[in-house]
Amino acid sequence: MGIETVKKAEKSMEAFLQQQTNEGRQTEKVQLWLVSTSGFTNEVIEYIKDIDYIYYSDYDSINKLNRQYGGGFDIPLFCKE
Protein backbone atom coordinates (compact mmCIF):
# COMPACT_ATOMS: atom_id res chain seq x y z
CA MET A 1 0.00 0.00 0.00
CA GLY A 2 1.28 3.41 -0.91
CA ILE A 3 1.01 6.80 0.76
CA GLU A 4 -1.68 7.95 -1.69
CA THR A 5 -4.08 5.32 -0.33
CA VAL A 6 -3.35 6.34 3.26
CA LYS A 7 -3.93 10.02 2.49
CA LYS A 8 -7.21 9.12 0.76
CA ALA A 9 -8.35 7.17 3.85
CA GLU A 10 -7.50 10.16 6.05
CA LYS A 11 -9.49 12.50 3.80
CA SER A 12 -12.46 10.13 4.03
CA MET A 13 -12.17 10.16 7.80
CA GLU A 14 -12.08 13.98 7.82
CA ALA A 15 -15.18 14.10 5.59
CA PHE A 16 -16.97 11.71 7.95
CA LEU A 17 -16.07 13.83 10.97
CA GLN A 18 -17.20 16.99 9.19
CA GLN A 19 -20.51 15.34 8.30
CA GLN A 20 -21.00 14.31 11.91
CA THR A 21 -20.35 17.89 13.02
CA ASN A 22 -22.73 19.31 10.40
CA GLU A 23 -25.45 16.95 11.63
CA GLY A 24 -24.87 17.94 15.26
CA ARG A 25 -23.41 14.59 16.24
CA GLN A 26 -20.39 14.13 18.46
CA THR A 27 -17.84 11.51 17.48
CA GLU A 28 -15.37 10.94 20.27
CA LYS A 29 -12.80 8.81 18.52
CA VAL A 30 -12.17 7.55 15.02
CA GLN A 31 -9.55 4.98 14.17
CA LEU A 32 -8.36 3.80 10.79
CA TRP A 33 -7.18 0.26 10.28
CA LEU A 34 -5.25 -0.28 7.09
CA VAL A 35 -5.03 -3.86 5.84
CA SER A 36 -2.79 -4.84 2.95
CA THR A 37 -1.91 -8.41 2.06
CA SER A 38 0.97 -7.14 -0.07
CA GLY A 39 2.42 -4.92 2.67
CA PHE A 40 3.17 -1.23 3.01
CA THR A 41 5.79 1.04 1.48
CA ASN A 42 8.52 2.36 3.74
CA GLU A 43 7.04 5.83 3.23
CA VAL A 44 3.74 4.65 4.70
CA ILE A 45 5.39 2.96 7.68
CA GLU A 46 7.37 6.13 8.45
CA TYR A 47 4.28 8.31 8.05
CA ILE A 48 1.93 6.30 10.27
CA LYS A 49 4.30 4.98 12.94
CA ASP A 50 3.59 7.84 15.35
CA ILE A 51 -0.08 8.42 14.49
CA ASP A 52 -2.21 7.02 17.29
CA TYR A 53 -5.44 6.77 15.26
CA ILE A 54 -4.04 4.55 12.49
CA TYR A 55 -3.50 0.81 12.89
CA TYR A 56 -2.14 -1.39 10.16
CA SER A 57 -1.84 -5.08 9.40
CA ASP A 58 -0.09 -6.96 6.67
CA TYR A 59 -0.87 -10.49 5.46
CA ASP A 60 0.97 -12.28 8.28
CA SER A 61 -0.38 -10.15 11.11
CA ILE A 62 -3.98 -10.29 9.91
CA ASN A 63 -3.74 -14.10 9.75
CA LYS A 64 -2.31 -14.18 13.29
CA LEU A 65 -5.24 -12.10 14.45
CA ASN A 66 -7.66 -14.39 12.62
CA ARG A 67 -6.18 -17.46 14.31
CA GLN A 68 -6.16 -15.78 17.74
CA TYR A 69 -9.92 -15.37 17.50
CA GLY A 70 -10.65 -18.91 16.35
CA GLY A 71 -10.11 -18.83 12.60
CA GLY A 72 -8.63 -22.16 11.54
CA PHE A 73 -7.42 -20.99 8.15
CA ASP A 74 -5.29 -18.37 6.43
CA ILE A 75 -7.08 -15.61 4.60
CA PRO A 76 -6.81 -16.33 0.86
CA LEU A 77 -4.17 -14.35 -0.97
CA PHE A 78 -5.53 -13.13 -4.29
CA CYS A 79 -3.11 -11.93 -6.91
CA LYS A 80 -3.07 -11.27 -10.63
CA GLU A 81 -0.67 -13.25 -12.74
PDB file of N, CA and C in Angstrom:
ATOM      1  N   MET A   1       0.850  -1.169   0.000  1.00  0.00           N
ATOM      2  CA  MET A   1       0.000   0.000   0.000  1.00  0.00           C
ATOM      3  C   MET A   1       0.893   1.229   0.000  1.00  0.00           C
ATOM      4  N   GLY A   2       0.511   2.185  -0.805  1.00  0.00           N
ATOM      5  CA  GLY A   2       1.281   3.413  -0.908  1.00  0.00           C
ATOM      6  C   GLY A   2       0.671   4.555  -0.116  1.00  0.00           C
ATOM      7  N   ILE A   3       1.422   5.638  -0.033  1.00  0.00           N
ATOM      8  CA  ILE A   3       1.010   6.798   0.755  1.00  0.00           C
ATOM      9  C   ILE A   3      -0.256   7.444   0.212  1.00  0.00           C
ATOM     10  N   GLU A   4      -0.481   7.348  -1.103  1.00  0.00           N
ATOM     11  CA  GLU A   4      -1.685   7.948  -1.688  1.00  0.00           C
ATOM     12  C   GLU A   4      -2.948   7.328  -1.101  1.00  0.00           C
ATOM     13  N   THR A   5      -2.927   6.030  -0.898  1.00  0.00           N
ATOM     14  CA  THR A   5      -4.078   5.323  -0.329  1.00  0.00           C
ATOM     15  C   THR A   5      -4.318   5.746   1.118  1.00  0.00           C
ATOM     16  N   VAL A   6      -3.239   5.916   1.861  1.00  0.00           N
ATOM     17  CA  VAL A   6      -3.353   6.340   3.258  1.00  0.00           C
ATOM     18  C   VAL A   6      -3.935   7.747   3.332  1.00  0.00           C
ATOM     19  N   LYS A   7      -3.431   8.640   2.496  1.00  0.00           N
ATOM     20  CA  LYS A   7      -3.934  10.023   2.485  1.00  0.00           C
ATOM     21  C   LYS A   7      -5.412  10.054   2.094  1.00  0.00           C
ATOM     22  N   LYS A   8      -5.808   9.194   1.166  1.00  0.00           N
ATOM     23  CA  LYS A   8      -7.214   9.116   0.760  1.00  0.00           C
ATOM     24  C   LYS A   8      -8.090   8.643   1.925  1.00  0.00           C
ATOM     25  N   ALA A   9      -7.609   7.667   2.675  1.00  0.00           N
ATOM     26  CA  ALA A   9      -8.350   7.174   3.846  1.00  0.00           C
ATOM     27  C   ALA A   9      -8.488   8.275   4.893  1.00  0.00           C
ATOM     28  N   GLU A  10      -7.428   9.052   5.094  1.00  0.00           N
ATOM     29  CA  GLU A  10      -7.498  10.160   6.051  1.00  0.00           C
ATOM     30  C   GLU A  10      -8.497  11.226   5.603  1.00  0.00           C
ATOM     31  N   LYS A  11      -8.528  11.521   4.306  1.00  0.00           N
ATOM     32  CA  LYS A  11      -9.490  12.501   3.798  1.00  0.00           C
ATOM     33  C   LYS A  11     -10.919  11.996   3.981  1.00  0.00           C
ATOM     34  N   SER A  12     -11.130  10.711   3.796  1.00  0.00           N
ATOM     35  CA  SER A  12     -12.458  10.130   4.026  1.00  0.00           C
ATOM     36  C   SER A  12     -12.852  10.252   5.488  1.00  0.00           C
ATOM     37  N   MET A  13     -11.907  10.024   6.376  1.00  0.00           N
ATOM     38  CA  MET A  13     -12.167  10.159   7.801  1.00  0.00           C
ATOM     39  C   MET A  13     -12.528  11.611   8.130  1.00  0.00           C
ATOM     40  N   GLU A  14     -11.793  12.560   7.584  1.00  0.00           N
ATOM     41  CA  GLU A  14     -12.078  13.975   7.824  1.00  0.00           C
ATOM     42  C   GLU A  14     -13.466  14.354   7.306  1.00  0.00           C
ATOM     43  N   ALA A  15     -13.840  13.828   6.139  1.00  0.00           N
ATOM     44  CA  ALA A  15     -15.175  14.102   5.585  1.00  0.00           C
ATOM     45  C   ALA A  15     -16.255  13.520   6.496  1.00  0.00           C
ATOM     46  N   PHE A  16     -16.026  12.328   7.021  1.00  0.00           N
ATOM     47  CA  PHE A  16     -16.966  11.709   7.950  1.00  0.00           C
ATOM     48  C   PHE A  16     -17.135  12.571   9.198  1.00  0.00           C
ATOM     49  N   LEU A  17     -16.011  13.012   9.757  1.00  0.00           N
ATOM     50  CA  LEU A  17     -16.072  13.835  10.969  1.00  0.00           C
ATOM     51  C   LEU A  17     -16.776  15.162  10.699  1.00  0.00           C
ATOM     52  N   GLN A  18     -16.531  15.741   9.533  1.00  0.00           N
ATOM     53  CA  GLN A  18     -17.202  16.990   9.185  1.00  0.00           C
ATOM     54  C   GLN A  18     -18.707  16.778   9.042  1.00  0.00           C
ATOM     55  N   GLN A  19     -19.090  15.662   8.440  1.00  0.00           N
ATOM     56  CA  GLN A  19     -20.511  15.341   8.297  1.00  0.00           C
ATOM     57  C   GLN A  19     -21.159  15.173   9.664  1.00  0.00           C
ATOM     58  N   GLN A  20     -20.472  14.491  10.557  1.00  0.00           N
ATOM     59  CA  GLN A  20     -21.001  14.311  11.912  1.00  0.00           C
ATOM     60  C   GLN A  20     -21.210  15.662  12.592  1.00  0.00           C
ATOM     61  N   THR A  21     -20.244  16.556  12.442  1.00  0.00           N
ATOM     62  CA  THR A  21     -20.349  17.895  13.024  1.00  0.00           C
ATOM     63  C   THR A  21     -21.515  18.657  12.414  1.00  0.00           C
ATOM     64  N   ASN A  22     -21.643  18.600  11.093  1.00  0.00           N
ATOM     65  CA  ASN A  22     -22.728  19.306  10.403  1.00  0.00           C
ATOM     66  C   ASN A  22     -24.104  18.804  10.841  1.00  0.00           C
ATOM     67  N   GLU A  23     -24.187  17.535  11.197  1.00  0.00           N
ATOM     68  CA  GLU A  23     -25.451  16.945  11.627  1.00  0.00           C
ATOM     69  C   GLU A  23     -25.658  17.056  13.136  1.00  0.00           C
ATOM     70  N   GLY A  24     -24.736  17.737  13.818  1.00  0.00           N
ATOM     71  CA  GLY A  24     -24.868  17.938  15.256  1.00  0.00           C
ATOM     72  C   GLY A  24     -24.532  16.719  16.087  1.00  0.00           C
ATOM     73  N   ARG A  25     -23.802  15.806  15.512  1.00  0.00           N
ATOM     74  CA  ARG A  25     -23.410  14.590  16.245  1.00  0.00           C
ATOM     75  C   ARG A  25     -21.986  14.745  16.756  1.00  0.00           C
ATOM     76  N   GLN A  26     -21.718  14.110  17.874  1.00  0.00           N
ATOM     77  CA  GLN A  26     -20.389  14.134  18.465  1.00  0.00           C
ATOM     78  C   GLN A  26     -19.736  12.770  18.273  1.00  0.00           C
ATOM     79  N   THR A  27     -18.600  12.746  17.639  1.00  0.00           N
ATOM     80  CA  THR A  27     -17.838  11.513  17.479  1.00  0.00           C
ATOM     81  C   THR A  27     -16.585  11.650  18.321  1.00  0.00           C
ATOM     82  N   GLU A  28     -16.482  10.809  19.346  1.00  0.00           N
ATOM     83  CA  GLU A  28     -15.370  10.937  20.275  1.00  0.00           C
ATOM     84  C   GLU A  28     -14.042  10.489  19.686  1.00  0.00           C
ATOM     85  N   LYS A  29     -14.069   9.366  18.986  1.00  0.00           N
ATOM     86  CA  LYS A  29     -12.802   8.811  18.524  1.00  0.00           C
ATOM     87  C   LYS A  29     -13.022   8.050  17.219  1.00  0.00           C
ATOM     88  N   VAL A  30     -12.145   8.285  16.281  1.00  0.00           N
ATOM     89  CA  VAL A  30     -12.173   7.549  15.023  1.00  0.00           C
ATOM     90  C   VAL A  30     -10.798   6.928  14.835  1.00  0.00           C
ATOM     91  N   GLN A  31     -10.805   5.671  14.440  1.00  0.00           N
ATOM     92  CA  GLN A  31      -9.550   4.981  14.170  1.00  0.00           C
ATOM     93  C   GLN A  31      -9.612   4.384  12.774  1.00  0.00           C
ATOM     94  N   LEU A  32      -8.496   4.441  12.088  1.00  0.00           N
ATOM     95  CA  LEU A  32      -8.365   3.799  10.787  1.00  0.00           C
ATOM     96  C   LEU A  32      -7.545   2.535  10.961  1.00  0.00           C
ATOM     97  N   TRP A  33      -7.964   1.487  10.277  1.00  0.00           N
ATOM     98  CA  TRP A  33      -7.184   0.260  10.285  1.00  0.00           C
ATOM     99  C   TRP A  33      -6.920  -0.100   8.840  1.00  0.00           C
ATOM    100  N   LEU A  34      -5.668   0.015   8.454  1.00  0.00           N
ATOM    101  CA  LEU A  34      -5.248  -0.275   7.092  1.00  0.00           C
ATOM    102  C   LEU A  34      -4.824  -1.733   7.013  1.00  0.00           C
ATOM    103  N   VAL A  35      -5.368  -2.451   6.047  1.00  0.00           N
ATOM    104  CA  VAL A  35      -5.030  -3.858   5.845  1.00  0.00           C
ATOM    105  C   VAL A  35      -4.538  -4.025   4.419  1.00  0.00           C
ATOM    106  N   SER A  36      -3.357  -4.602   4.272  1.00  0.00           N
ATOM    107  CA  SER A  36      -2.793  -4.838   2.948  1.00  0.00           C
ATOM    108  C   SER A  36      -2.082  -6.184   2.944  1.00  0.00           C
ATOM    109  N   THR A  37      -2.559  -7.105   2.129  1.00  0.00           N
ATOM    110  CA  THR A  37      -1.907  -8.413   2.064  1.00  0.00           C
ATOM    111  C   THR A  37      -0.557  -8.339   1.367  1.00  0.00           C
ATOM    112  N   SER A  38      -0.324  -7.267   0.612  1.00  0.00           N
ATOM    113  CA  SER A  38       0.973  -7.138  -0.068  1.00  0.00           C
ATOM    114  C   SER A  38       1.932  -6.225   0.684  1.00  0.00           C
ATOM    115  N   GLY A  39       1.521  -5.717   1.848  1.00  0.00           N
ATOM    116  CA  GLY A  39       2.419  -4.917   2.667  1.00  0.00           C
ATOM    117  C   GLY A  39       2.272  -3.422   2.433  1.00  0.00           C
ATOM    118  N   PHE A  40       3.200  -2.675   3.032  1.00  0.00           N
ATOM    119  CA  PHE A  40       3.171  -1.227   3.006  1.00  0.00           C
ATOM    120  C   PHE A  40       4.525  -0.692   2.570  1.00  0.00           C
ATOM    121  N   THR A  41       4.516   0.427   1.868  1.00  0.00           N
ATOM    122  CA  THR A  41       5.790   1.038   1.483  1.00  0.00           C
ATOM    123  C   THR A  41       6.469   1.594   2.727  1.00  0.00           C
ATOM    124  N   ASN A  42       7.778   1.775   2.627  1.00  0.00           N
ATOM    125  CA  ASN A  42       8.518   2.362   3.742  1.00  0.00           C
ATOM    126  C   ASN A  42       8.002   3.755   4.058  1.00  0.00           C
ATOM    127  N   GLU A  43       7.588   4.498   3.034  1.00  0.00           N
ATOM    128  CA  GLU A  43       7.042   5.833   3.234  1.00  0.00           C
ATOM    129  C   GLU A  43       5.795   5.784   4.119  1.00  0.00           C
ATOM    130  N   VAL A  44       4.943   4.798   3.890  1.00  0.00           N
ATOM    131  CA  VAL A  44       3.737   4.647   4.704  1.00  0.00           C
ATOM    132  C   VAL A  44       4.105   4.310   6.145  1.00  0.00           C
ATOM    133  N   ILE A  45       4.989   3.365   6.326  1.00  0.00           N
ATOM    134  CA  ILE A  45       5.394   2.962   7.682  1.00  0.00           C
ATOM    135  C   ILE A  45       5.944   4.161   8.443  1.00  0.00           C
ATOM    136  N   GLU A  46       6.807   4.944   7.803  1.00  0.00           N
ATOM    137  CA  GLU A  46       7.366   6.133   8.446  1.00  0.00           C
ATOM    138  C   GLU A  46       6.274   7.147   8.772  1.00  0.00           C
ATOM    139  N   TYR A  47       5.342   7.330   7.873  1.00  0.00           N
ATOM    140  CA  TYR A  47       4.276   8.312   8.047  1.00  0.00           C
ATOM    141  C   TYR A  47       3.342   7.948   9.199  1.00  0.00           C
ATOM    142  N   ILE A  48       2.961   6.674   9.296  1.00  0.00           N
ATOM    143  CA  ILE A  48       1.931   6.297  10.273  1.00  0.00           C
ATOM    144  C   ILE A  48       2.476   5.807  11.614  1.00  0.00           C
ATOM    145  N   LYS A  49       3.768   5.614  11.727  1.00  0.00           N
ATOM    146  CA  LYS A  49       4.301   4.980  12.942  1.00  0.00           C
ATOM    147  C   LYS A  49       4.004   5.749  14.220  1.00  0.00           C
ATOM    148  N   ASP A  50       3.855   7.052  14.150  1.00  0.00           N
ATOM    149  CA  ASP A  50       3.594   7.841  15.351  1.00  0.00           C
ATOM    150  C   ASP A  50       2.179   8.410  15.395  1.00  0.00           C
ATOM    151  N   ILE A  51       1.304   7.953  14.503  1.00  0.00           N
ATOM    152  CA  ILE A  51      -0.077   8.421  14.490  1.00  0.00           C
ATOM    153  C   ILE A  51      -0.920   7.442  15.293  1.00  0.00           C
ATOM    154  N   ASP A  52      -1.513   7.924  16.371  1.00  0.00           N
ATOM    155  CA  ASP A  52      -2.208   7.020  17.289  1.00  0.00           C
ATOM    156  C   ASP A  52      -3.581   6.568  16.803  1.00  0.00           C
ATOM    157  N   TYR A  53      -4.117   7.167  15.750  1.00  0.00           N
ATOM    158  CA  TYR A  53      -5.442   6.765  15.264  1.00  0.00           C
ATOM    159  C   TYR A  53      -5.375   5.853  14.038  1.00  0.00           C
ATOM    160  N   ILE A  54      -4.174   5.461  13.634  1.00  0.00           N
ATOM    161  CA  ILE A  54      -4.041   4.553  12.491  1.00  0.00           C
ATOM    162  C   ILE A  54      -3.374   3.256  12.946  1.00  0.00           C
ATOM    163  N   TYR A  55      -4.060   2.149  12.689  1.00  0.00           N
ATOM    164  CA  TYR A  55      -3.499   0.814  12.889  1.00  0.00           C
ATOM    165  C   TYR A  55      -3.267   0.206  11.518  1.00  0.00           C
ATOM    166  N   TYR A  56      -2.360  -0.737  11.443  1.00  0.00           N
ATOM    167  CA  TYR A  56      -2.142  -1.388  10.158  1.00  0.00           C
ATOM    168  C   TYR A  56      -1.758  -2.850  10.350  1.00  0.00           C
ATOM    169  N   SER A  57      -2.140  -3.647   9.371  1.00  0.00           N
ATOM    170  CA  SER A  57      -1.844  -5.080   9.396  1.00  0.00           C
ATOM    171  C   SER A  57      -1.471  -5.526   7.998  1.00  0.00           C
ATOM    172  N   ASP A  58      -0.445  -6.347   7.938  1.00  0.00           N
ATOM    173  CA  ASP A  58      -0.086  -6.963   6.666  1.00  0.00           C
ATOM    174  C   ASP A  58      -0.634  -8.393   6.649  1.00  0.00           C
ATOM    175  N   TYR A  59      -0.318  -9.141   5.635  1.00  0.00           N
ATOM    176  CA  TYR A  59      -0.869 -10.490   5.460  1.00  0.00           C
ATOM    177  C   TYR A  59      -0.608 -11.380   6.677  1.00  0.00           C
ATOM    178  N   ASP A  60       0.632 -11.395   7.151  1.00  0.00           N
ATOM    179  CA  ASP A  60       0.970 -12.278   8.279  1.00  0.00           C
ATOM    180  C   ASP A  60       0.259 -11.864   9.563  1.00  0.00           C
ATOM    181  N   SER A  61       0.233 -10.576   9.845  1.00  0.00           N
ATOM    182  CA  SER A  61      -0.378 -10.151  11.108  1.00  0.00           C
ATOM    183  C   SER A  61      -1.897 -10.299  11.097  1.00  0.00           C
ATOM    184  N   ILE A  62      -2.531 -10.118   9.949  1.00  0.00           N
ATOM    185  CA  ILE A  62      -3.983 -10.295   9.906  1.00  0.00           C
ATOM    186  C   ILE A  62      -4.336 -11.777  10.067  1.00  0.00           C
ATOM    187  N   ASN A  63      -3.499 -12.669   9.548  1.00  0.00           N
ATOM    188  CA  ASN A  63      -3.738 -14.102   9.752  1.00  0.00           C
ATOM    189  C   ASN A  63      -3.513 -14.511  11.205  1.00  0.00           C
ATOM    190  N   LYS A  64      -2.517 -13.911  11.861  1.00  0.00           N
ATOM    191  CA  LYS A  64      -2.308 -14.184  13.293  1.00  0.00           C
ATOM    192  C   LYS A  64      -3.524 -13.750  14.096  1.00  0.00           C
ATOM    193  N   LEU A  65      -4.052 -12.590  13.771  1.00  0.00           N
ATOM    194  CA  LEU A  65      -5.244 -12.096  14.450  1.00  0.00           C
ATOM    195  C   LEU A  65      -6.437 -13.018  14.203  1.00  0.00           C
ATOM    196  N   ASN A  66      -6.590 -13.460  12.971  1.00  0.00           N
ATOM    197  CA  ASN A  66      -7.664 -14.389  12.616  1.00  0.00           C
ATOM    198  C   ASN A  66      -7.560 -15.673  13.442  1.00  0.00           C
ATOM    199  N   ARG A  67      -6.371 -16.220  13.554  1.00  0.00           N
ATOM    200  CA  ARG A  67      -6.180 -17.460  14.314  1.00  0.00           C
ATOM    201  C   ARG A  67      -6.394 -17.243  15.815  1.00  0.00           C
ATOM    202  N   GLN A  68      -5.990 -16.078  16.313  1.00  0.00           N
ATOM    203  CA  GLN A  68      -6.160 -15.777  17.736  1.00  0.00           C
ATOM    204  C   GLN A  68      -7.631 -15.788  18.127  1.00  0.00           C
ATOM    205  N   TYR A  69      -8.488 -15.421  17.200  1.00  0.00           N
ATOM    206  CA  TYR A  69      -9.919 -15.373  17.496  1.00  0.00           C
ATOM    207  C   TYR A  69     -10.680 -16.551  16.900  1.00  0.00           C
ATOM    208  N   GLY A  70      -9.985 -17.668  16.690  1.00  0.00           N
ATOM    209  CA  GLY A  70     -10.646 -18.911  16.352  1.00  0.00           C
ATOM    210  C   GLY A  70     -10.686 -19.296  14.894  1.00  0.00           C
ATOM    211  N   GLY A  71     -10.139 -18.471  14.016  1.00  0.00           N
ATOM    212  CA  GLY A  71     -10.108 -18.832  12.599  1.00  0.00           C
ATOM    213  C   GLY A  71      -9.100 -19.956  12.380  1.00  0.00           C
ATOM    214  N   GLY A  72      -9.518 -21.024  11.762  1.00  0.00           N
ATOM    215  CA  GLY A  72      -8.631 -22.164  11.542  1.00  0.00           C
ATOM    216  C   GLY A  72      -8.059 -22.197  10.140  1.00  0.00           C
ATOM    217  N   PHE A  73      -7.899 -21.036   9.531  1.00  0.00           N
ATOM    218  CA  PHE A  73      -7.416 -20.988   8.150  1.00  0.00           C
ATOM    219  C   PHE A  73      -6.702 -19.665   7.908  1.00  0.00           C
ATOM    220  N   ASP A  74      -5.889 -19.629   6.863  1.00  0.00           N
ATOM    221  CA  ASP A  74      -5.292 -18.373   6.428  1.00  0.00           C
ATOM    222  C   ASP A  74      -6.238 -17.689   5.461  1.00  0.00           C
ATOM    223  N   ILE A  75      -6.274 -16.385   5.521  1.00  0.00           N
ATOM    224  CA  ILE A  75      -7.080 -15.610   4.597  1.00  0.00           C
ATOM    225  C   ILE A  75      -6.508 -15.805   3.195  1.00  0.00           C
ATOM    226  N   PRO A  76      -7.336 -16.093   2.212  1.00  0.00           N
ATOM    227  CA  PRO A  76      -6.806 -16.335   0.865  1.00  0.00           C
ATOM    228  C   PRO A  76      -6.038 -15.121   0.327  1.00  0.00           C
ATOM    229  N   LEU A  77      -4.975 -15.395  -0.362  1.00  0.00           N
ATOM    230  CA  LEU A  77      -4.166 -14.352  -0.971  1.00  0.00           C
ATOM    231  C   LEU A  77      -4.500 -14.326  -2.455  1.00  0.00           C
ATOM    232  N   PHE A  78      -5.140 -13.270  -2.882  1.00  0.00           N
ATOM    233  CA  PHE A  78      -5.535 -13.129  -4.287  1.00  0.00           C
ATOM    234  C   PHE A  78      -4.500 -12.289  -5.003  1.00  0.00           C
ATOM    235  N   CYS A  79      -4.092 -12.725  -6.154  1.00  0.00           N
ATOM    236  CA  CYS A  79      -3.111 -11.933  -6.912  1.00  0.00           C
ATOM    237  C   CYS A  79      -3.349 -12.160  -8.403  1.00  0.00           C
ATOM    238  N   LYS A  80      -2.964 -11.166  -9.169  1.00  0.00           N
ATOM    239  CA  LYS A  80      -3.071 -11.267 -10.630  1.00  0.00           C
ATOM    240  C   LYS A  80      -1.760 -11.837 -11.161  1.00  0.00           C
ATOM    241  N   GLU A  81      -1.876 -12.687 -12.142  1.00  0.00           N
ATOM    242  CA  GLU A  81      -0.666 -13.247 -12.741  1.00  0.00           C
ATOM    243  C   GLU A  81      -0.411 -12.605 -14.073  1.00  0.00           C
TER     244      GLU A  81
END
